[in-house]
PDB file of N, CA and C in Angstrom:
ATOM      1  N   MET A   1      12.194 -19.452  23.828  1.00  0.00           N
ATOM      2  CA  MET A   1      11.491 -19.480  22.811  1.00  0.00           C
ATOM      3  C   MET A   1      10.103 -19.320  23.020  1.00  0.00           C
ATOM      4  N   PHE A   2       9.396 -18.759  22.041  1.00  0.00           N
ATOM      5  CA  PHE A   2       7.705 -18.507  22.308  1.00  0.00           C
ATOM      6  C   PHE A   2       7.021 -18.965  21.214  1.00  0.00           C
ATOM      7  N   ALA A   3       5.819 -18.929  21.353  1.00  0.00           N
ATOM      8  CA  ALA A   3       4.820 -19.433  20.251  1.00  0.00           C
ATOM      9  C   ALA A   3       3.388 -18.493  20.140  1.00  0.00           C
ATOM     10  N   VAL A   4       3.066 -18.327  19.039  1.00  0.00           N
ATOM     11  CA  VAL A   4       1.675 -17.790  19.102  1.00  0.00           C
ATOM     12  C   VAL A   4       0.639 -18.542  18.664  1.00  0.00           C
ATOM     13  N   ARG A   5      -0.385 -18.286  19.446  1.00  0.00           N
ATOM     14  CA  ARG A   5      -1.490 -19.289  19.190  1.00  0.00           C
ATOM     15  C   ARG A   5      -2.689 -18.331  18.545  1.00  0.00           C
ATOM     16  N   ASP A   6      -3.358 -19.194  17.669  1.00  0.00           N
ATOM     17  CA  ASP A   6      -4.770 -18.455  17.294  1.00  0.00           C
ATOM     18  C   ASP A   6      -4.288 -17.084  16.361  1.00  0.00           C
ATOM     19  N   LEU A   7      -3.427 -17.240  15.556  1.00  0.00           N
ATOM     20  CA  LEU A   7      -2.925 -16.342  14.687  1.00  0.00           C
ATOM     21  C   LEU A   7      -3.715 -16.015  13.680  1.00  0.00           C
ATOM     22  N   PHE A   8      -3.703 -14.428  13.298  1.00  0.00           N
ATOM     23  CA  PHE A   8      -4.378 -14.169  12.083  1.00  0.00           C
ATOM     24  C   PHE A   8      -3.662 -13.212  11.410  1.00  0.00           C
ATOM     25  N   LEU A   9      -3.252 -13.539  10.019  1.00  0.00           N
ATOM     26  CA  LEU A   9      -2.668 -12.729   9.503  1.00  0.00           C
ATOM     27  C   LEU A   9      -3.197 -12.632   8.148  1.00  0.00           C
ATOM     28  N   GLY A  10      -3.234 -11.416   7.509  1.00  0.00           N
ATOM     29  CA  GLY A  10      -3.402 -10.997   6.311  1.00  0.00           C
ATOM     30  C   GLY A  10      -2.975 -10.366   5.551  1.00  0.00           C
ATOM     31  N   VAL A  11      -2.670 -10.356   4.212  1.00  0.00           N
ATOM     32  CA  VAL A  11      -1.718  -9.607   3.320  1.00  0.00           C
ATOM     33  C   VAL A  11      -2.501  -9.553   1.850  1.00  0.00           C
ATOM     34  N   GLU A  12      -2.692  -8.244   1.802  1.00  0.00           N
ATOM     35  CA  GLU A  12      -3.510  -7.994   0.604  1.00  0.00           C
ATOM     36  C   GLU A  12      -2.781  -7.907  -0.673  1.00  0.00           C
ATOM     37  N   LEU A  13      -2.922  -8.244  -1.567  1.00  0.00           N
ATOM     38  CA  LEU A  13      -2.104  -8.056  -3.032  1.00  0.00           C
ATOM     39  C   LEU A  13      -2.729  -7.184  -4.002  1.00  0.00           C
ATOM     40  N   VAL A  14      -2.119  -6.105  -4.244  1.00  0.00           N
ATOM     41  CA  VAL A  14      -3.020  -5.284  -5.421  1.00  0.00           C
ATOM     42  C   VAL A  14      -1.991  -4.841  -6.542  1.00  0.00           C
ATOM     43  N   LEU A  15      -2.390  -4.659  -7.637  1.00  0.00           N
ATOM     44  CA  LEU A  15      -1.336  -4.429  -9.256  1.00  0.00           C
ATOM     45  C   LEU A  15      -1.004  -2.968  -8.936  1.00  0.00           C
ATOM     46  N   ASP A  16      -1.883  -2.264  -7.989  1.00  0.00           N
ATOM     47  CA  ASP A  16      -1.331  -0.731  -8.196  1.00  0.00           C
ATOM     48  C   ASP A  16      -1.459  -0.175  -6.754  1.00  0.00           C
ATOM     49  N   PRO A  17      -0.585   0.411  -5.908  1.00  0.00           N
ATOM     50  CA  PRO A  17      -1.040   0.934  -4.821  1.00  0.00           C
ATOM     51  C   PRO A  17      -1.903   2.122  -4.665  1.00  0.00           C
ATOM     52  N   GLU A  18      -1.977   2.891  -5.708  1.00  0.00           N
ATOM     53  CA  GLU A  18      -2.979   4.153  -5.870  1.00  0.00           C
ATOM     54  C   GLU A  18      -4.574   3.375  -5.971  1.00  0.00           C
ATOM     55  N   THR A  19      -4.979   2.743  -6.990  1.00  0.00           N
ATOM     56  CA  THR A  19      -6.102   2.231  -7.436  1.00  0.00           C
ATOM     57  C   THR A  19      -6.529   1.234  -6.607  1.00  0.00           C
ATOM     58  N   ARG A  20      -5.205   0.661  -5.799  1.00  0.00           N
ATOM     59  CA  ARG A  20      -5.736  -0.847  -4.994  1.00  0.00           C
ATOM     60  C   ARG A  20      -6.533  -1.693  -5.844  1.00  0.00           C
ATOM     61  N   GLU A  21      -5.917  -2.056  -7.082  1.00  0.00           N
ATOM     62  CA  GLU A  21      -6.750  -2.950  -8.066  1.00  0.00           C
ATOM     63  C   GLU A  21      -6.261  -4.302  -7.467  1.00  0.00           C
ATOM     64  N   PRO A  22      -7.134  -5.198  -7.139  1.00  0.00           N
ATOM     65  CA  PRO A  22      -6.945  -6.671  -6.708  1.00  0.00           C
ATOM     66  C   PRO A  22      -6.103  -7.352  -7.746  1.00  0.00           C
ATOM     67  N   ALA A  23      -4.963  -8.105  -7.088  1.00  0.00           N
ATOM     68  CA  ALA A  23      -4.203  -9.073  -7.835  1.00  0.00           C
ATOM     69  C   ALA A  23      -4.402 -10.489  -7.557  1.00  0.00           C
ATOM     70  N   PRO A  24      -5.824 -11.211  -8.095  1.00  0.00           N
ATOM     71  CA  PRO A  24      -6.024 -12.242  -7.530  1.00  0.00           C
ATOM     72  C   PRO A  24      -5.194 -13.347  -8.154  1.00  0.00           C
ATOM     73  N   LEU A  25      -4.819 -13.344  -9.528  1.00  0.00           N
ATOM     74  CA  LEU A  25      -3.834 -14.235 -10.007  1.00  0.00           C
ATOM     75  C   LEU A  25      -2.636 -14.343  -9.582  1.00  0.00           C
ATOM     76  N   HIS A  26      -2.103 -13.186  -8.937  1.00  0.00           N
ATOM     77  CA  HIS A  26      -0.894 -13.294  -8.235  1.00  0.00           C
ATOM     78  C   HIS A  26      -1.151 -14.103  -6.574  1.00  0.00           C
ATOM     79  N   ALA A  27      -2.055 -13.631  -6.320  1.00  0.00           N
ATOM     80  CA  ALA A  27      -2.438 -14.330  -4.979  1.00  0.00           C
ATOM     81  C   ALA A  27      -2.648 -15.973  -4.949  1.00  0.00           C
ATOM     82  N   ASP A  28      -3.229 -16.367  -6.116  1.00  0.00           N
ATOM     83  CA  ASP A  28      -3.509 -17.725  -6.422  1.00  0.00           C
ATOM     84  C   ASP A  28      -2.155 -18.503  -6.583  1.00  0.00           C
ATOM     85  N   TYR A  29      -1.358 -17.764  -7.475  1.00  0.00           N
ATOM     86  CA  TYR A  29       0.084 -18.277  -7.824  1.00  0.00           C
ATOM     87  C   TYR A  29       1.160 -18.476  -6.499  1.00  0.00           C
ATOM     88  N   LEU A  30       1.025 -17.431  -5.845  1.00  0.00           N
ATOM     89  CA  LEU A  30       1.569 -17.615  -4.382  1.00  0.00           C
ATOM     90  C   LEU A  30       1.358 -18.585  -3.597  1.00  0.00           C
ATOM     91  N   VAL A  31      -0.138 -18.859  -3.167  1.00  0.00           N
ATOM     92  CA  VAL A  31      -0.737 -19.865  -2.614  1.00  0.00           C
ATOM     93  C   VAL A  31      -0.279 -21.375  -3.308  1.00  0.00           C
ATOM     94  N   GLU A  32      -0.411 -21.287  -4.517  1.00  0.00           N
ATOM     95  CA  GLU A  32      -0.066 -22.858  -4.986  1.00  0.00           C
ATOM     96  C   GLU A  32       1.409 -23.025  -4.781  1.00  0.00           C
ATOM     97  N   ARG A  33       2.244 -21.827  -5.282  1.00  0.00           N
ATOM     98  CA  ARG A  33       3.734 -22.046  -5.140  1.00  0.00           C
ATOM     99  C   ARG A  33       4.429 -22.313  -3.724  1.00  0.00           C
ATOM    100  N   LEU A  34       3.463 -21.809  -2.507  1.00  0.00           N
ATOM    101  CA  LEU A  34       3.831 -21.853  -1.012  1.00  0.00           C
ATOM    102  C   LEU A  34       3.654 -23.266  -0.612  1.00  0.00           C
ATOM    103  N   LYS A  35       2.304 -23.762  -1.353  1.00  0.00           N
ATOM    104  CA  LYS A  35       1.757 -25.171  -1.043  1.00  0.00           C
ATOM    105  C   LYS A  35       2.951 -26.148  -1.447  1.00  0.00           C
ATOM    106  N   SER A  36       3.573 -26.096  -2.336  1.00  0.00           N
ATOM    107  CA  SER A  36       4.283 -26.937  -2.918  1.00  0.00           C
ATOM    108  C   SER A  36       5.576 -26.898  -1.968  1.00  0.00           C
ATOM    109  N   ARG A  37       5.644 -25.774  -1.242  1.00  0.00           N
ATOM    110  CA  ARG A  37       6.788 -25.586  -0.507  1.00  0.00           C
ATOM    111  C   ARG A  37       6.476 -26.008   1.181  1.00  0.00           C
ATOM    112  N   LYS A  38       5.334 -26.699   1.152  1.00  0.00           N
ATOM    113  CA  LYS A  38       4.850 -27.104   2.410  1.00  0.00           C
ATOM    114  C   LYS A  38       4.136 -26.101   3.706  1.00  0.00           C
ATOM    115  N   ILE A  39       3.895 -25.112   2.755  1.00  0.00           N
ATOM    116  CA  ILE A  39       3.278 -23.587   3.724  1.00  0.00           C
ATOM    117  C   ILE A  39       2.040 -23.575   2.963  1.00  0.00           C
ATOM    118  N   LEU A  40       0.918 -23.655   3.877  1.00  0.00           N
ATOM    119  CA  LEU A  40      -0.595 -23.565   3.692  1.00  0.00           C
ATOM    120  C   LEU A  40      -1.177 -22.371   4.024  1.00  0.00           C
ATOM    121  N   LEU A  41      -1.806 -21.738   3.219  1.00  0.00           N
ATOM    122  CA  LEU A  41      -2.548 -20.596   3.317  1.00  0.00           C
ATOM    123  C   LEU A  41      -3.644 -20.520   1.951  1.00  0.00           C
ATOM    124  N   SER A  42      -4.367 -19.390   2.623  1.00  0.00           N
ATOM    125  CA  SER A  42      -5.557 -19.286   1.459  1.00  0.00           C
ATOM    126  C   SER A  42      -5.765 -17.959   0.884  1.00  0.00           C
ATOM    127  N   THR A  43      -6.838 -17.606  -0.301  1.00  0.00           N
ATOM    128  CA  THR A  43      -7.153 -16.382  -0.463  1.00  0.00           C
ATOM    129  C   THR A  43      -8.675 -16.153  -0.149  1.00  0.00           C
ATOM    130  N   GLU A  44      -8.777 -14.734   0.247  1.00  0.00           N
ATOM    131  CA  GLU A  44     -10.188 -14.543   0.832  1.00  0.00           C
ATOM    132  C   GLU A  44     -10.202 -13.160   0.335  1.00  0.00           C
ATOM    133  N   GLY A  45     -11.434 -12.439   0.626  1.00  0.00           N
ATOM    134  CA  GLY A  45     -11.652 -11.135   0.131  1.00  0.00           C
ATOM    135  C   GLY A  45     -12.547 -11.228  -0.940  1.00  0.00           C
ATOM    136  N   PRO A  46     -13.391 -10.033  -1.094  1.00  0.00           N
ATOM    137  CA  PRO A  46     -13.940  -9.590  -2.242  1.00  0.00           C
ATOM    138  C   PRO A  46     -13.314  -9.866  -3.564  1.00  0.00           C
ATOM    139  N   GLY A  47     -12.007  -9.316  -3.454  1.00  0.00           N
ATOM    140  CA  GLY A  47     -11.366  -9.721  -4.884  1.00  0.00           C
ATOM    141  C   GLY A  47     -10.353 -10.917  -4.876  1.00  0.00           C
ATOM    142  N   HIS A  48     -10.536 -11.790  -3.986  1.00  0.00           N
ATOM    143  CA  HIS A  48      -9.784 -13.105  -3.715  1.00  0.00           C
ATOM    144  C   HIS A  48      -8.529 -12.573  -3.749  1.00  0.00           C
ATOM    145  N   ASN A  49      -7.911 -11.409  -3.106  1.00  0.00           N
ATOM    146  CA  ASN A  49      -6.591 -11.162  -3.368  1.00  0.00           C
ATOM    147  C   ASN A  49      -5.669 -10.898  -1.860  1.00  0.00           C
ATOM    148  N   VAL A  50      -6.464 -11.560  -0.824  1.00  0.00           N
ATOM    149  CA  VAL A  50      -5.947 -11.427   0.437  1.00  0.00           C
ATOM    150  C   VAL A  50      -5.245 -12.816   0.919  1.00  0.00           C
ATOM    151  N   LEU A  51      -4.018 -12.824   1.317  1.00  0.00           N
ATOM    152  CA  LEU A  51      -3.346 -14.151   1.596  1.00  0.00           C
ATOM    153  C   LEU A  51      -3.751 -14.030   3.020  1.00  0.00           C
ATOM    154  N   LYS A  52      -4.251 -15.417   3.270  1.00  0.00           N
ATOM    155  CA  LYS A  52      -4.888 -15.457   4.907  1.00  0.00           C
ATOM    156  C   LYS A  52      -4.324 -16.727   5.344  1.00  0.00           C
ATOM    157  N   PHE A  53      -3.580 -16.487   6.532  1.00  0.00           N
ATOM    158  CA  PHE A  53      -3.042 -17.756   7.484  1.00  0.00           C
ATOM    159  C   PHE A  53      -4.231 -17.751   8.426  1.00  0.00           C
ATOM    160  N   LYS A  54      -4.610 -18.771   8.505  1.00  0.00           N
ATOM    161  CA  LYS A  54      -6.017 -19.105   9.251  1.00  0.00           C
ATOM    162  C   LYS A  54      -5.448 -20.041  10.617  1.00  0.00           C
ATOM    163  N   PRO A  55      -6.019 -19.815  11.956  1.00  0.00           N
ATOM    164  CA  PRO A  55      -5.751 -20.358  13.039  1.00  0.00           C
ATOM    165  C   PRO A  55      -6.713 -21.662  13.111  1.00  0.00           C
ATOM    166  N   PRO A  56      -6.254 -22.628  13.755  1.00  0.00           N
ATOM    167  CA  PRO A  56      -5.386 -22.585  14.566  1.00  0.00           C
ATOM    168  C   PRO A  56      -3.973 -22.989  14.166  1.00  0.00           C
ATOM    169  N   MET A  57      -2.961 -22.503  14.859  1.00  0.00           N
ATOM    170  CA  MET A  57      -1.651 -22.935  14.490  1.00  0.00           C
ATOM    171  C   MET A  57      -0.717 -22.663  15.566  1.00  0.00           C
ATOM    172  N   VAL A  58       0.568 -23.093  15.678  1.00  0.00           N
ATOM    173  CA  VAL A  58       1.389 -22.760  16.388  1.00  0.00           C
ATOM    174  C   VAL A  58       2.436 -22.300  15.551  1.00  0.00           C
ATOM    175  N   PHE A  59       3.070 -20.921  15.713  1.00  0.00           N
ATOM    176  CA  PHE A  59       3.821 -20.498  14.891  1.00  0.00           C
ATOM    177  C   PHE A  59       5.051 -19.805  15.766  1.00  0.00           C
ATOM    178  N   ASN A  60       6.162 -20.362  15.717  1.00  0.00           N
ATOM    179  CA  ASN A  60       7.454 -19.744  16.405  1.00  0.00           C
ATOM    180  C   ASN A  60       8.374 -18.888  15.481  1.00  0.00           C
ATOM    181  N   HIS A  61       9.367 -18.638  16.169  1.00  0.00           N
ATOM    182  CA  HIS A  61      10.429 -17.707  15.447  1.00  0.00           C
ATOM    183  C   HIS A  61      10.963 -18.328  14.182  1.00  0.00           C
ATOM    184  N   SER A  62      11.179 -19.623  14.290  1.00  0.00           N
ATOM    185  CA  SER A  62      11.697 -20.345  13.663  1.00  0.00           C
ATOM    186  C   SER A  62      10.874 -20.589  12.121  1.00  0.00           C
ATOM    187  N   ASP A  63       9.549 -20.813  12.269  1.00  0.00           N
ATOM    188  CA  ASP A  63       8.340 -20.722  11.465  1.00  0.00           C
ATOM    189  C   ASP A  63       8.255 -19.349  10.581  1.00  0.00           C
ATOM    190  N   ALA A  64       8.402 -18.277  11.618  1.00  0.00           N
ATOM    191  CA  ALA A  64       8.462 -17.078  10.845  1.00  0.00           C
ATOM    192  C   ALA A  64       9.471 -16.918   9.856  1.00  0.00           C
ATOM    193  N   GLN A  65      10.752 -17.224  10.287  1.00  0.00           N
ATOM    194  CA  GLN A  65      12.164 -17.669   9.585  1.00  0.00           C
ATOM    195  C   GLN A  65      11.641 -17.996   8.253  1.00  0.00           C
ATOM    196  N   HIS A  66      11.401 -19.114   8.297  1.00  0.00           N
ATOM    197  CA  HIS A  66      11.320 -20.070   7.102  1.00  0.00           C
ATOM    198  C   HIS A  66      10.069 -19.627   6.246  1.00  0.00           C
ATOM    199  N   LEU A  67       9.065 -18.939   6.668  1.00  0.00           N
ATOM    200  CA  LEU A  67       7.899 -18.538   5.983  1.00  0.00           C
ATOM    201  C   LEU A  67       8.327 -17.382   4.934  1.00  0.00           C
ATOM    202  N   LEU A  68       9.188 -16.331   5.718  1.00  0.00           N
ATOM    203  CA  LEU A  68       9.754 -15.142   5.056  1.00  0.00           C
ATOM    204  C   LEU A  68      10.594 -15.735   4.072  1.00  0.00           C
ATOM    205  N   VAL A  69      11.543 -16.714   4.197  1.00  0.00           N
ATOM    206  CA  VAL A  69      12.742 -17.104   3.027  1.00  0.00           C
ATOM    207  C   VAL A  69      11.804 -17.621   1.936  1.00  0.00           C
ATOM    208  N   GLU A  70      10.920 -18.508   1.872  1.00  0.00           N
ATOM    209  CA  GLU A  70      10.132 -19.065   0.937  1.00  0.00           C
ATOM    210  C   GLU A  70       9.292 -18.054   0.469  1.00  0.00           C
ATOM    211  N   LEU A  71       8.736 -16.971   1.208  1.00  0.00           N
ATOM    212  CA  LEU A  71       7.890 -16.104   0.319  1.00  0.00           C
ATOM    213  C   LEU A  71       8.641 -15.285  -0.283  1.00  0.00           C
ATOM    214  N   GLN A  72       9.814 -14.886   0.276  1.00  0.00           N
ATOM    215  CA  GLN A  72      10.711 -14.069  -0.707  1.00  0.00           C
ATOM    216  C   GLN A  72      11.294 -14.745  -1.863  1.00  0.00           C
ATOM    217  N   GLN A  73      11.295 -15.942  -1.681  1.00  0.00           N
ATOM    218  CA  GLN A  73      11.915 -16.628  -3.339  1.00  0.00           C
ATOM    219  C   GLN A  73      10.788 -16.675  -4.204  1.00  0.00           C
ATOM    220  N   VAL A  74       9.704 -16.889  -3.735  1.00  0.00           N
ATOM    221  CA  VAL A  74       8.251 -16.915  -4.537  1.00  0.00           C
ATOM    222  C   VAL A  74       8.146 -15.681  -5.282  1.00  0.00           C
ATOM    223  N   LEU A  75       8.134 -14.595  -4.513  1.00  0.00           N
ATOM    224  CA  LEU A  75       8.131 -13.236  -4.762  1.00  0.00           C
ATOM    225  C   LEU A  75       8.819 -12.997  -5.935  1.00  0.00           C
ATOM    226  N   ARG A  76      10.094 -13.180  -6.034  1.00  0.00           N
ATOM    227  CA  ARG A  76      11.171 -13.101  -6.751  1.00  0.00           C
ATOM    228  C   ARG A  76      10.882 -13.949  -8.374  1.00  0.00           C
ATOM    229  N   GLU A  77       9.922 -14.668  -8.367  1.00  0.00           N
ATOM    230  CA  GLU A  77      10.061 -15.544  -9.574  1.00  0.00           C
ATOM    231  C   GLU A  77       9.272 -14.546 -10.591  1.00  0.00           C
ATOM    232  N   SER A  78       9.633 -15.083 -11.842  1.00  0.00           N
ATOM    233  CA  SER A  78       9.153 -14.438 -12.864  1.00  0.00           C
ATOM    234  C   SER A  78       7.538 -13.871 -12.989  1.00  0.00           C
ATOM    235  N   PRO A  79       6.651 -14.970 -12.758  1.00  0.00           N
ATOM    236  CA  PRO A  79       5.219 -14.660 -12.812  1.00  0.00           C
ATOM    237  C   PRO A  79       4.694 -13.819 -11.949  1.00  0.00           C
ATOM    238  N   MET A  80       5.438 -13.610 -10.769  1.00  0.00           N
ATOM    239  CA  MET A  80       5.078 -12.495  -9.578  1.00  0.00           C
ATOM    240  C   MET A  80       5.600 -11.143 -10.146  1.00  0.00           C
ATOM    241  N   GLN A  81       6.404 -10.995 -11.132  1.00  0.00           N
ATOM    242  CA  GLN A  81       6.879  -9.620 -11.627  1.00  0.00           C
ATOM    243  C   GLN A  81       5.980  -9.176 -12.674  1.00  0.00           C
ATOM    244  N   GLN A  82       5.068  -9.959 -13.106  1.00  0.00           N
ATOM    245  CA  GLN A  82       4.638  -9.637 -14.305  1.00  0.00           C
ATOM    246  C   GLN A  82       2.921  -9.311 -14.131  1.00  0.00           C
ATOM    247  N   ASN A  83       2.662  -8.458 -15.189  1.00  0.00           N
ATOM    248  CA  ASN A  83       0.895  -8.459 -14.730  1.00  0.00           C
ATOM    249  C   ASN A  83       0.223  -9.740 -15.314  1.00  0.00           C
ATOM    250  N   LEU A  84      -0.578 -10.448 -14.428  1.00  0.00           N
ATOM    251  CA  LEU A  84      -1.166 -11.505 -14.828  1.00  0.00           C
ATOM    252  C   LEU A  84      -2.358 -11.463 -15.255  1.00  0.00           C
ATOM    253  N   LYS A  85      -2.954 -10.441 -15.471  1.00  0.00           N
ATOM    254  CA  LYS A  85      -3.977 -10.231 -16.129  1.00  0.00           C
ATOM    255  C   LYS A  85      -4.808 -11.110 -17.090  1.00  0.00           C
ATOM    256  N   ALA A  86      -5.826 -11.830 -17.216  1.00  0.00           N
ATOM    257  CA  ALA A  86      -6.130 -12.568 -18.044  1.00  0.00           C
ATOM    258  C   ALA A  86      -6.737 -11.877 -19.513  1.00  0.00           C
TER     259      ALA A  86
END
């Protein structure tokens, strides 16, 4: 078993991969839904569309598996499939 310390991971959410238009409403939705599932992260960046895992934390293989399962489930929710422009 291994653990990673002081991990920084950022994931940018965009509405269109060509224009790279930020998707801040999607990012906010993801953050709130994952928070309700006991996974804490935040948004950053000029477009407030970058999901950021902030150190310090210990993150092992089991934690990574849990994160991926929860993230996959939230990404499949209908609000994530829609263009959330106000």
